[in-house]
Every structure is written in structure tokens, then in C-alpha cells.
PDB file of N, CA and C in Angstrom:
ATOM      1  N   MET A   1     101.926  48.092 107.514  1.00  0.00           N
ATOM      2  CA  MET A   1     102.959  47.210 107.010  1.00  0.00           C
ATOM      3  C   MET A   1     103.391  46.244 108.102  1.00  0.00           C
ATOM      4  N   SER A   2     102.562  45.305 108.371  1.00  0.00           N
ATOM      5  CA  SER A   2     102.871  44.348 109.415  1.00  0.00           C
ATOM      6  C   SER A   2     103.863  43.308 108.901  1.00  0.00           C
ATOM      7  N   GLY A   3     104.833  42.986 109.722  1.00  0.00           N
ATOM      8  CA  GLY A   3     105.792  41.957 109.375  1.00  0.00           C
ATOM      9  C   GLY A   3     107.000  42.445 108.601  1.00  0.00           C
ATOM     10  N   THR A   4     107.105  43.752 108.404  1.00  0.00           N
ATOM     11  CA  THR A   4     108.262  44.278 107.684  1.00  0.00           C
ATOM     12  C   THR A   4     109.092  45.145 108.608  1.00  0.00           C
ATOM     13  N   ASN A   5     110.287  45.431 108.175  1.00  0.00           N
ATOM     14  CA  ASN A   5     111.185  46.297 108.940  1.00  0.00           C
ATOM     15  C   ASN A   5     111.379  47.623 108.225  1.00  0.00           C
ATOM     16  N   ASN A   6     110.313  48.192 107.716  1.00  0.00           N
ATOM     17  CA  ASN A   6     110.375  49.478 107.036  1.00  0.00           C
ATOM     18  C   ASN A   6     110.742  50.557 108.051  1.00  0.00           C
ATOM     19  N   PRO A   7     111.884  51.233 107.884  1.00  0.00           N
ATOM     20  CA  PRO A   7     112.289  52.237 108.872  1.00  0.00           C
ATOM     21  C   PRO A   7     111.369  53.450 108.924  1.00  0.00           C
ATOM     22  N   ASN A   8     110.519  53.628 107.918  1.00  0.00           N
ATOM     23  CA  ASN A   8     109.584  54.750 107.932  1.00  0.00           C
ATOM     24  C   ASN A   8     108.305  54.433 108.697  1.00  0.00           C
ATOM     25  N   ASP A   9     108.108  53.180 109.047  1.00  0.00           N
ATOM     26  CA  ASP A   9     106.919  52.780 109.798  1.00  0.00           C
ATOM     27  C   ASP A   9     107.015  53.314 111.224  1.00  0.00           C
ATOM     28  N   PRO A  10     105.998  54.038 111.706  1.00  0.00           N
ATOM     29  CA  PRO A  10     106.054  54.595 113.070  1.00  0.00           C
ATOM     30  C   PRO A  10     106.188  53.526 114.159  1.00  0.00           C
ATOM     31  N   LYS A  11     105.612  52.353 113.940  1.00  0.00           N
ATOM     32  CA  LYS A  11     105.727  51.281 114.937  1.00  0.00           C
ATOM     33  C   LYS A  11     107.172  50.807 115.057  1.00  0.00           C
ATOM     34  N   VAL A  12     107.842  50.678 113.923  1.00  0.00           N
ATOM     35  CA  VAL A  12     109.239  50.242 113.930  1.00  0.00           C
ATOM     36  C   VAL A  12     110.105  51.288 114.613  1.00  0.00           C
ATOM     37  N   ARG A  13     109.851  52.545 114.335  1.00  0.00           N
ATOM     38  CA  ARG A  13     110.616  53.617 114.980  1.00  0.00           C
ATOM     39  C   ARG A  13     110.369  53.647 116.484  1.00  0.00           C
ATOM     40  N   ALA A  14     109.119  53.474 116.886  1.00  0.00           N
ATOM     41  CA  ALA A  14     108.798  53.503 118.320  1.00  0.00           C
ATOM     42  C   ALA A  14     109.477  52.348 119.048  1.00  0.00           C
ATOM     43  N   ARG A  15     109.472  51.176 118.451  1.00  0.00           N
ATOM     44  CA  ARG A  15     110.096  50.025 119.108  1.00  0.00           C
ATOM     45  C   ARG A  15     111.613  50.150 119.137  1.00  0.00           C
ATOM     46  N   ALA A  16     112.178  50.719 118.091  1.00  0.00           N
ATOM     47  CA  ALA A  16     113.626  50.958 118.096  1.00  0.00           C
ATOM     48  C   ALA A  16     113.993  51.974 119.172  1.00  0.00           C
ATOM     49  N   PHE A  17     113.143  52.986 119.346  1.00  0.00           N
ATOM     50  CA  PHE A  17     113.376  53.975 120.396  1.00  0.00           C
ATOM     51  C   PHE A  17     113.286  53.329 121.780  1.00  0.00           C
ATOM     52  N   LEU A  18     112.297  52.449 121.987  1.00  0.00           N
ATOM     53  CA  LEU A  18     112.178  51.745 123.270  1.00  0.00           C
ATOM     54  C   LEU A  18     113.405  50.884 123.539  1.00  0.00           C
ATOM     55  N   LEU A  19     113.887  50.207 122.515  1.00  0.00           N
ATOM     56  CA  LEU A  19     115.075  49.371 122.677  1.00  0.00           C
ATOM     57  C   LEU A  19     116.298  50.221 123.015  1.00  0.00           C
ATOM     58  N   LEU A  20     116.451  51.348 122.338  1.00  0.00           N
ATOM     59  CA  LEU A  20     117.564  52.251 122.618  1.00  0.00           C
ATOM     60  C   LEU A  20     117.460  52.828 124.031  1.00  0.00           C
ATOM     61  N   ALA A  21     116.245  53.201 124.439  1.00  0.00           N
ATOM     62  CA  ALA A  21     116.059  53.731 125.797  1.00  0.00           C
ATOM     63  C   ALA A  21     116.402  52.673 126.840  1.00  0.00           C
ATOM     64  N   GLY A  22     116.021  51.430 126.587  1.00  0.00           N
ATOM     65  CA  GLY A  22     116.362  50.356 127.514  1.00  0.00           C
ATOM     66  C   GLY A  22     117.854  50.127 127.615  1.00  0.00           C
ATOM     67  N   ILE A  23     118.534  50.171 126.482  1.00  0.00           N
ATOM     68  CA  ILE A  23     119.987  49.986 126.492  1.00  0.00           C
ATOM     69  C   ILE A  23     120.667  51.129 127.237  1.00  0.00           C
ATOM     70  N   LEU A  24     120.197  52.358 127.020  1.00  0.00           N
ATOM     71  CA  LEU A  24     120.766  53.500 127.743  1.00  0.00           C
ATOM     72  C   LEU A  24     120.526  53.382 129.246  1.00  0.00           C
ATOM     73  N   LEU A  25     119.317  52.943 129.623  1.00  0.00           N
ATOM     74  CA  LEU A  25     119.036  52.769 131.047  1.00  0.00           C
ATOM     75  C   LEU A  25     119.917  51.691 131.665  1.00  0.00           C
ATOM     76  N   LEU A  26     120.284  50.693 130.885  1.00  0.00           N
ATOM     77  CA  LEU A  26     121.168  49.653 131.403  1.00  0.00           C
ATOM     78  C   LEU A  26     122.614  50.125 131.496  1.00  0.00           C
ATOM     79  N   SER A  27     123.023  51.033 130.611  1.00  0.00           N
ATOM     80  CA  SER A  27     124.416  51.480 130.631  1.00  0.00           C
ATOM     81  C   SER A  27     124.667  52.552 131.688  1.00  0.00           C
ATOM     82  N   LEU A  28     123.679  53.388 131.984  1.00  0.00           N
ATOM     83  CA  LEU A  28     123.883  54.453 132.965  1.00  0.00           C
ATOM     84  C   LEU A  28     124.202  53.930 134.366  1.00  0.00           C
ATOM     85  N   PRO A  29     123.490  52.921 134.877  1.00  0.00           N
ATOM     86  CA  PRO A  29     123.863  52.412 136.204  1.00  0.00           C
ATOM     87  C   PRO A  29     125.258  51.806 136.249  1.00  0.00           C
ATOM     88  N   ILE A  30     125.700  51.211 135.152  1.00  0.00           N
ATOM     89  CA  ILE A  30     127.049  50.641 135.132  1.00  0.00           C
ATOM     90  C   ILE A  30     128.083  51.755 135.244  1.00  0.00           C
ATOM     91  N   LEU A  31     127.870  52.841 134.504  1.00  0.00           N
ATOM     92  CA  LEU A  31     128.775  53.984 134.614  1.00  0.00           C
ATOM     93  C   LEU A  31     128.719  54.593 136.010  1.00  0.00           C
ATOM     94  N   ARG A  32     127.528  54.639 136.589  1.00  0.00           N
ATOM     95  CA  ARG A  32     127.382  55.194 137.936  1.00  0.00           C
ATOM     96  C   ARG A  32     128.100  54.310 138.959  1.00  0.00           C
ATOM     97  N   LEU A  33     128.037  52.996 138.777  1.00  0.00           N
ATOM     98  CA  LEU A  33     128.751  52.102 139.691  1.00  0.00           C
ATOM     99  C   LEU A  33     130.256  52.334 139.626  1.00  0.00           C
ATOM    100  N   LEU A  34     130.773  52.565 138.424  1.00  0.00           N
ATOM    101  CA  LEU A  34     132.195  52.869 138.302  1.00  0.00           C
ATOM    102  C   LEU A  34     132.536  54.157 139.040  1.00  0.00           C
ATOM    103  N   GLU A  35     131.675  55.165 138.893  1.00  0.00           N
ATOM    104  CA  GLU A  35     131.916  56.432 139.576  1.00  0.00           C
ATOM    105  C   GLU A  35     131.829  56.265 141.091  1.00  0.00           C
ATOM    106  N   VAL A  36     130.839  55.499 141.555  1.00  0.00           N
ATOM    107  CA  VAL A  36     130.696  55.256 142.991  1.00  0.00           C
ATOM    108  C   VAL A  36     131.915  54.515 143.519  1.00  0.00           C
ATOM    109  N   GLY A  37     132.412  53.544 142.756  1.00  0.00           N
ATOM    110  CA  GLY A  37     133.601  52.819 143.190  1.00  0.00           C
ATOM    111  C   GLY A  37     134.814  53.717 143.323  1.00  0.00           C
ATOM    112  N   LEU A  38     134.992  54.604 142.349  1.00  0.00           N
ATOM    113  CA  LEU A  38     136.118  55.535 142.436  1.00  0.00           C
ATOM    114  C   LEU A  38     135.948  56.504 143.596  1.00  0.00           C
ATOM    115  N   ARG A  39     134.712  56.963 143.813  1.00  0.00           N
ATOM    116  CA  ARG A  39     134.476  57.890 144.919  1.00  0.00           C
ATOM    117  C   ARG A  39     134.679  57.188 146.263  1.00  0.00           C
ATOM    118  N   LEU A  40     134.248  55.934 146.364  1.00  0.00           N
ATOM    119  CA  LEU A  40     134.448  55.184 147.609  1.00  0.00           C
ATOM    120  C   LEU A  40     135.931  54.995 147.901  1.00  0.00           C
ATOM    121  N   ARG A  41     136.702  54.747 146.868  1.00  0.00           N
ATOM    122  CA  ARG A  41     138.143  54.586 147.076  1.00  0.00           C
ATOM    123  C   ARG A  41     138.749  55.874 147.638  1.00  0.00           C
ATOM    124  N   PHE A  42     138.349  57.011 147.055  1.00  0.00           N
ATOM    125  CA  PHE A  42     138.844  58.292 147.544  1.00  0.00           C
ATOM    126  C   PHE A  42     138.357  58.553 148.969  1.00  0.00           C
ATOM    127  N   MET A  43     137.066  58.268 149.235  1.00  0.00           N
ATOM    128  CA  MET A  43     136.505  58.552 150.559  1.00  0.00           C
ATOM    129  C   MET A  43     137.085  57.628 151.624  1.00  0.00           C
ATOM    130  N   ARG A  44     137.371  56.378 151.251  1.00  0.00           N
ATOM    131  CA  ARG A  44     137.965  55.454 152.220  1.00  0.00           C
ATOM    132  C   ARG A  44     139.347  55.946 152.629  1.00  0.00           C
ATOM    133  N   GLU A  45     140.094  56.480 151.664  1.00  0.00           N
ATOM    134  CA  GLU A  45     141.405  57.041 151.998  1.00  0.00           C
ATOM    135  C   GLU A  45     141.257  58.284 152.873  1.00  0.00           C
ATOM    136  N   HIS A  46     140.198  59.053 152.630  1.00  0.00           N
ATOM    137  CA  HIS A  46     139.999  60.295 153.377  1.00  0.00           C
ATOM    138  C   HIS A  46     139.465  60.024 154.789  1.00  0.00           C
ATOM    139  N   TYR A  47     138.427  59.166 154.892  1.00  0.00           N
ATOM    140  CA  TYR A  47     137.816  58.891 156.197  1.00  0.00           C
ATOM    141  C   TYR A  47     138.515  57.767 156.948  1.00  0.00           C
ATOM    142  N   GLY A  48     139.084  56.816 156.233  1.00  0.00           N
ATOM    143  CA  GLY A  48     139.764  55.705 156.866  1.00  0.00           C
ATOM    144  C   GLY A  48     138.852  54.541 157.209  1.00  0.00           C
ATOM    145  N   ASP A  49     137.541  54.731 157.135  1.00  0.00           N
ATOM    146  CA  ASP A  49     136.590  53.685 157.494  1.00  0.00           C
ATOM    147  C   ASP A  49     135.600  53.521 156.341  1.00  0.00           C
ATOM    148  N   LEU A  50     135.408  52.295 155.861  1.00  0.00           N
ATOM    149  CA  LEU A  50     134.539  52.075 154.713  1.00  0.00           C
ATOM    150  C   LEU A  50     133.082  52.384 155.038  1.00  0.00           C
ATOM    151  N   TRP A  51     132.571  51.978 156.206  1.00  0.00           N
ATOM    152  CA  TRP A  51     131.177  52.245 156.545  1.00  0.00           C
ATOM    153  C   TRP A  51     130.921  53.741 156.643  1.00  0.00           C
ATOM    154  N   GLN A  52     131.848  54.457 157.214  1.00  0.00           N
ATOM    155  CA  GLN A  52     131.703  55.903 157.307  1.00  0.00           C
ATOM    156  C   GLN A  52     131.742  56.517 155.906  1.00  0.00           C
ATOM    157  N   ALA A  53     132.570  55.971 155.041  1.00  0.00           N
ATOM    158  CA  ALA A  53     132.630  56.467 153.666  1.00  0.00           C
ATOM    159  C   ALA A  53     131.332  56.184 152.918  1.00  0.00           C
ATOM    160  N   LEU A  54     130.712  55.029 153.197  1.00  0.00           N
ATOM    161  CA  LEU A  54     129.464  54.676 152.525  1.00  0.00           C
ATOM    162  C   LEU A  54     128.304  55.569 152.933  1.00  0.00           C
ATOM    163  N   THR A  55     128.257  55.960 154.191  1.00  0.00           N
ATOM    164  CA  THR A  55     127.071  56.645 154.698  1.00  0.00           C
ATOM    165  C   THR A  55     127.235  58.139 154.894  1.00  0.00           C
ATOM    166  N   LYS A  56     128.436  58.668 154.820  1.00  0.00           N
ATOM    167  CA  LYS A  56     128.650  60.059 155.195  1.00  0.00           C
ATOM    168  C   LYS A  56     128.755  61.017 154.014  1.00  0.00           C
ATOM    169  N   ASP A  57     128.666  60.543 152.796  1.00  0.00           N
ATOM    170  CA  ASP A  57     128.928  61.373 151.624  1.00  0.00           C
ATOM    171  C   ASP A  57     128.141  62.678 151.643  1.00  0.00           C
ATOM    172  N   LEU A  58     126.821  62.607 151.628  1.00  0.00           N
ATOM    173  CA  LEU A  58     126.025  63.834 151.618  1.00  0.00           C
ATOM    174  C   LEU A  58     125.035  63.893 152.781  1.00  0.00           C
ATOM    175  N   TRP A  59     125.290  63.150 153.846  1.00  0.00           N
ATOM    176  CA  TRP A  59     124.411  63.215 155.015  1.00  0.00           C
ATOM    177  C   TRP A  59     124.405  64.624 155.605  1.00  0.00           C
ATOM    178  N   LEU A  60     125.485  65.346 155.439  1.00  0.00           N
ATOM    179  CA  LEU A  60     125.605  66.652 156.066  1.00  0.00           C
ATOM    180  C   LEU A  60     124.593  67.651 155.527  1.00  0.00           C
ATOM    181  N   SER A  61     124.081  67.417 154.301  1.00  0.00           N
ATOM    182  CA  SER A  61     123.117  68.355 153.736  1.00  0.00           C
ATOM    183  C   SER A  61     121.742  68.214 154.379  1.00  0.00           C
ATOM    184  N   GLY A  62     121.463  67.102 155.038  1.00  0.00           N
ATOM    185  CA  GLY A  62     120.219  66.918 155.775  1.00  0.00           C
ATOM    186  C   GLY A  62     119.064  66.482 154.895  1.00  0.00           C
ATOM    187  N   GLY A  63     117.993  66.043 155.543  1.00  0.00           N
ATOM    188  CA  GLY A  63     116.801  65.614 154.826  1.00  0.00           C
ATOM    189  C   GLY A  63     116.874  64.145 154.449  1.00  0.00           C
ATOM    190  N   TRP A  64     115.696  63.509 154.362  1.00  0.00           N
ATOM    191  CA  TRP A  64     115.654  62.086 154.042  1.00  0.00           C
ATOM    192  C   TRP A  64     116.132  61.823 152.622  1.00  0.00           C
ATOM    193  N   TRP A  65     115.974  62.791 151.714  1.00  0.00           N
ATOM    194  CA  TRP A  65     116.363  62.598 150.323  1.00  0.00           C
ATOM    195  C   TRP A  65     117.875  62.477 150.177  1.00  0.00           C
ATOM    196  N   SER A  66     118.626  62.977 151.151  1.00  0.00           N
ATOM    197  CA  SER A  66     120.083  62.924 151.031  1.00  0.00           C
ATOM    198  C   SER A  66     120.595  61.485 151.094  1.00  0.00           C
ATOM    199  N   TYR A  67     119.776  60.568 151.627  1.00  0.00           N
ATOM    200  CA  TYR A  67     120.167  59.157 151.652  1.00  0.00           C
ATOM    201  C   TYR A  67     120.404  58.645 150.237  1.00  0.00           C
ATOM    202  N   PHE A  68     119.576  59.100 149.277  1.00  0.00           N
ATOM    203  CA  PHE A  68     119.698  58.628 147.900  1.00  0.00           C
ATOM    204  C   PHE A  68     120.953  59.159 147.224  1.00  0.00           C
ATOM    205  N   ALA A  69     121.536  60.219 147.772  1.00  0.00           N
ATOM    206  CA  ALA A  69     122.746  60.787 147.184  1.00  0.00           C
ATOM    207  C   ALA A  69     124.006  60.103 147.708  1.00  0.00           C
ATOM    208  N   THR A  70     123.883  59.332 148.783  1.00  0.00           N
ATOM    209  CA  THR A  70     125.045  58.599 149.282  1.00  0.00           C
ATOM    210  C   THR A  70     125.288  57.391 148.377  1.00  0.00           C
ATOM    211  N   PRO A  71     126.507  56.915 148.285  1.00  0.00           N
ATOM    212  CA  PRO A  71     126.767  55.736 147.446  1.00  0.00           C
ATOM    213  C   PRO A  71     125.942  54.521 147.866  1.00  0.00           C
ATOM    214  N   LEU A  72     125.807  54.295 149.158  1.00  0.00           N
ATOM    215  CA  LEU A  72     125.033  53.153 149.636  1.00  0.00           C
ATOM    216  C   LEU A  72     123.564  53.304 149.263  1.00  0.00           C
ATOM    217  N   GLY A  73     123.023  54.492 149.446  1.00  0.00           N
ATOM    218  CA  GLY A  73     121.625  54.735 149.096  1.00  0.00           C
ATOM    219  C   GLY A  73     121.371  54.558 147.616  1.00  0.00           C
ATOM    220  N   PHE A  74     122.292  55.022 146.799  1.00  0.00           N
ATOM    221  CA  PHE A  74     122.114  54.879 145.356  1.00  0.00           C
ATOM    222  C   PHE A  74     122.145  53.417 144.944  1.00  0.00           C
ATOM    223  N   VAL A  75     123.124  52.685 145.437  1.00  0.00           N
ATOM    224  CA  VAL A  75     123.270  51.287 145.047  1.00  0.00           C
ATOM    225  C   VAL A  75     122.077  50.462 145.521  1.00  0.00           C
ATOM    226  N   MET A  76     121.538  50.777 146.694  1.00  0.00           N
ATOM    227  CA  MET A  76     120.448  49.980 147.256  1.00  0.00           C
ATOM    228  C   MET A  76     119.075  50.333 146.695  1.00  0.00           C
ATOM    229  N   THR A  77     118.883  51.519 146.130  1.00  0.00           N
ATOM    230  CA  THR A  77     117.540  51.914 145.693  1.00  0.00           C
ATOM    231  C   THR A  77     117.472  52.257 144.211  1.00  0.00           C
ATOM    232  N   ILE A  78     118.187  53.257 143.794  1.00  0.00           N
ATOM    233  CA  ILE A  78     118.023  53.779 142.444  1.00  0.00           C
ATOM    234  C   ILE A  78     118.614  52.835 141.401  1.00  0.00           C
ATOM    235  N   LEU A  79     119.753  52.247 141.677  1.00  0.00           N
ATOM    236  CA  LEU A  79     120.400  51.360 140.712  1.00  0.00           C
ATOM    237  C   LEU A  79     119.526  50.155 140.345  1.00  0.00           C
ATOM    238  N   PRO A  80     118.967  49.420 141.309  1.00  0.00           N
ATOM    239  CA  PRO A  80     118.107  48.295 140.919  1.00  0.00           C
ATOM    240  C   PRO A  80     116.867  48.727 140.140  1.00  0.00           C
ATOM    241  N   LEU A  81     116.295  49.879 140.486  1.00  0.00           N
ATOM    242  CA  LEU A  81     115.124  50.356 139.747  1.00  0.00           C
ATOM    243  C   LEU A  81     115.477  50.664 138.298  1.00  0.00           C
ATOM    244  N   ALA A  82     116.618  51.299 138.067  1.00  0.00           N
ATOM    245  CA  ALA A  82     117.037  51.604 136.698  1.00  0.00           C
ATOM    246  C   ALA A  82     117.341  50.325 135.923  1.00  0.00           C
ATOM    247  N   LEU A  83     117.960  49.357 136.575  1.00  0.00           N
ATOM    248  CA  LEU A  83     118.252  48.088 135.899  1.00  0.00           C
ATOM    249  C   LEU A  83     116.972  47.344 135.532  1.00  0.00           C
ATOM    250  N   ILE A  84     116.019  47.295 136.459  1.00  0.00           N
ATOM    251  CA  ILE A  84     114.752  46.607 136.190  1.00  0.00           C
ATOM    252  C   ILE A  84     114.003  47.297 135.060  1.00  0.00           C
ATOM    253  N   LEU A  85     113.944  48.627 135.087  1.00  0.00           N
ATOM    254  CA  LEU A  85     113.254  49.365 134.035  1.00  0.00           C
ATOM    255  C   LEU A  85     113.955  49.191 132.687  1.00  0.00           C
ATOM    256  N   GLY A  86     115.277  49.215 132.674  1.00  0.00           N
ATOM    257  CA  GLY A  86     116.012  49.020 131.425  1.00  0.00           C
ATOM    258  C   GLY A  86     115.798  47.634 130.842  1.00  0.00           C
ATOM    259  N   ILE A  87     115.844  46.615 131.683  1.00  0.00           N
ATOM    260  CA  ILE A  87     115.610  45.248 131.216  1.00  0.00           C
ATOM    261  C   ILE A  87     114.184  45.098 130.707  1.00  0.00           C
ATOM    262  N   ALA A  88     113.228  45.680 131.422  1.00  0.00           N
ATOM    263  CA  ALA A  88     111.829  45.593 131.004  1.00  0.00           C
ATOM    264  C   ALA A  88     111.612  46.269 129.651  1.00  0.00           C
ATOM    265  N   LEU A  89     112.206  47.438 129.453  1.00  0.00           N
ATOM    266  CA  LEU A  89     112.060  48.125 128.164  1.00  0.00           C
ATOM    267  C   LEU A  89     112.685  47.321 127.027  1.00  0.00           C
ATOM    268  N   CYS A  90     113.864  46.759 127.264  1.00  0.00           N
ATOM    269  CA  CYS A  90     114.519  45.946 126.230  1.00  0.00           C
ATOM    270  C   CYS A  90     113.688  44.710 125.897  1.00  0.00           C
ATOM    271  N   LEU A  91     113.188  44.033 126.916  1.00  0.00           N
ATOM    272  CA  LEU A  91     112.373  42.840 126.675  1.00  0.00           C
ATOM    273  C   LEU A  91     111.079  43.179 125.956  1.00  0.00           C
ATOM    274  N   PHE A  92     110.421  44.256 126.382  1.00  0.00           N
ATOM    275  CA  PHE A  92     109.171  44.662 125.744  1.00  0.00           C
ATOM    276  C   PHE A  92     109.393  44.980 124.273  1.00  0.00           C
ATOM    277  N   ALA A  93     110.434  45.755 123.983  1.00  0.00           N
ATOM    278  CA  ALA A  93     110.711  46.107 122.588  1.00  0.00           C
ATOM    279  C   ALA A  93     111.089  44.873 121.774  1.00  0.00           C
ATOM    280  N   ALA A  94     111.899  43.991 122.340  1.00  0.00           N
ATOM    281  CA  ALA A  94     112.310  42.785 121.613  1.00  0.00           C
ATOM    282  C   ALA A  94     111.122  41.869 121.344  1.00  0.00           C
ATOM    283  N   ILE A  95     110.232  41.722 122.315  1.00  0.00           N
ATOM    284  CA  ILE A  95     109.051  40.872 122.131  1.00  0.00           C
ATOM    285  C   ILE A  95     108.140  41.456 121.058  1.00  0.00           C
ATOM    286  N   ARG A  96     107.938  42.763 121.093  1.00  0.00           N
ATOM    287  CA  ARG A  96     107.069  43.402 120.099  1.00  0.00           C
ATOM    288  C   ARG A  96     107.675  43.317 118.694  1.00  0.00           C
ATOM    289  N   ILE A  97     108.993  43.452 118.602  1.00  0.00           N
ATOM    290  CA  ILE A  97     109.642  43.384 117.288  1.00  0.00           C
ATOM    291  C   ILE A  97     109.532  41.971 116.722  1.00  0.00           C
ATOM    292  N   THR A  98     109.806  40.959 117.537  1.00  0.00           N
ATOM    293  CA  THR A  98     109.732  39.578 117.040  1.00  0.00           C
ATOM    294  C   THR A  98     108.291  39.151 116.800  1.00  0.00           C
ATOM    295  N   LYS A  99     107.348  39.697 117.544  1.00  0.00           N
ATOM    296  CA  LYS A  99     105.934  39.362 117.363  1.00  0.00           C
ATOM    297  C   LYS A  99     105.435  39.861 116.006  1.00  0.00           C
ATOM    298  N   ASP A 100     105.888  41.038 115.589  1.00  0.00           N
ATOM    299  CA  ASP A 100     105.455  41.585 114.306  1.00  0.00           C
ATOM    300  C   ASP A 100     106.070  40.853 113.123  1.00  0.00           C
ATOM    301  N   ARG A 101     107.228  40.262 113.310  1.00  0.00           N
ATOM    302  CA  ARG A 101     107.875  39.544 112.203  1.00  0.00           C
ATOM    303  C   ARG A 101     107.166  38.236 111.888  1.00  0.00           C
ATOM    304  N   GLY A 102     106.639  37.591 112.901  1.00  0.00           N
ATOM    305  CA  GLY A 102     106.062  36.266 112.716  1.00  0.00           C
ATOM    306  C   GLY A 102     104.614  36.224 112.513  1.00  0.00           C
TER     307      GLY A 102
END
């Protein structure tokens, strides 16, 4: 059923799922940024220094992976990857949906 929006069509369901997954991937980093902002506010009051608050969150646990658990590490690495993947999924699903209509 090309060119229709039949909800029983597996292609339509798959593309709707991709679009929903992209939207969720875009919303999760925004919520995480809000949480990081609130945590930074608390840590700045506790440590007194913003740079120390940015880098000291979970450094004490050790290991290179702990960098990703710090607010600075998350914002610099994981957040952009999630945003890029979410945008890519939304664009891919939107292009495929409009391509089938025309």
C-alpha cells in the first residue's frame, strides 16, 4: 500500500516508531541538561568553585569512564551524540514518510 497512511501497514508503523524514537532522544538530553543545571547549582554552593563543581562530581570513583559521569563530560560528549542521533532519526523518518506519500 504505497502512498497511504494505513496504520496497519508495517512500513508506516516502523516509520512512526523511528519518529517517536527520535523525539524521545531529543527530549532526554534536554531533561538531562535541566538535571545537570540543578546539580551544578547545588555543587557550586557546596564546593564554592564552578570549575571544581564541573570536574569533581564523580572523579573520586576513578577510571577514565568516570569522566562521562561528570556534568562537563556529559555535556561535552554524550549530549551532542544523543542530539545528533535524535535529529537524524527524525529527519530519516520524516523523509521516508513524505517520500511514500508522493
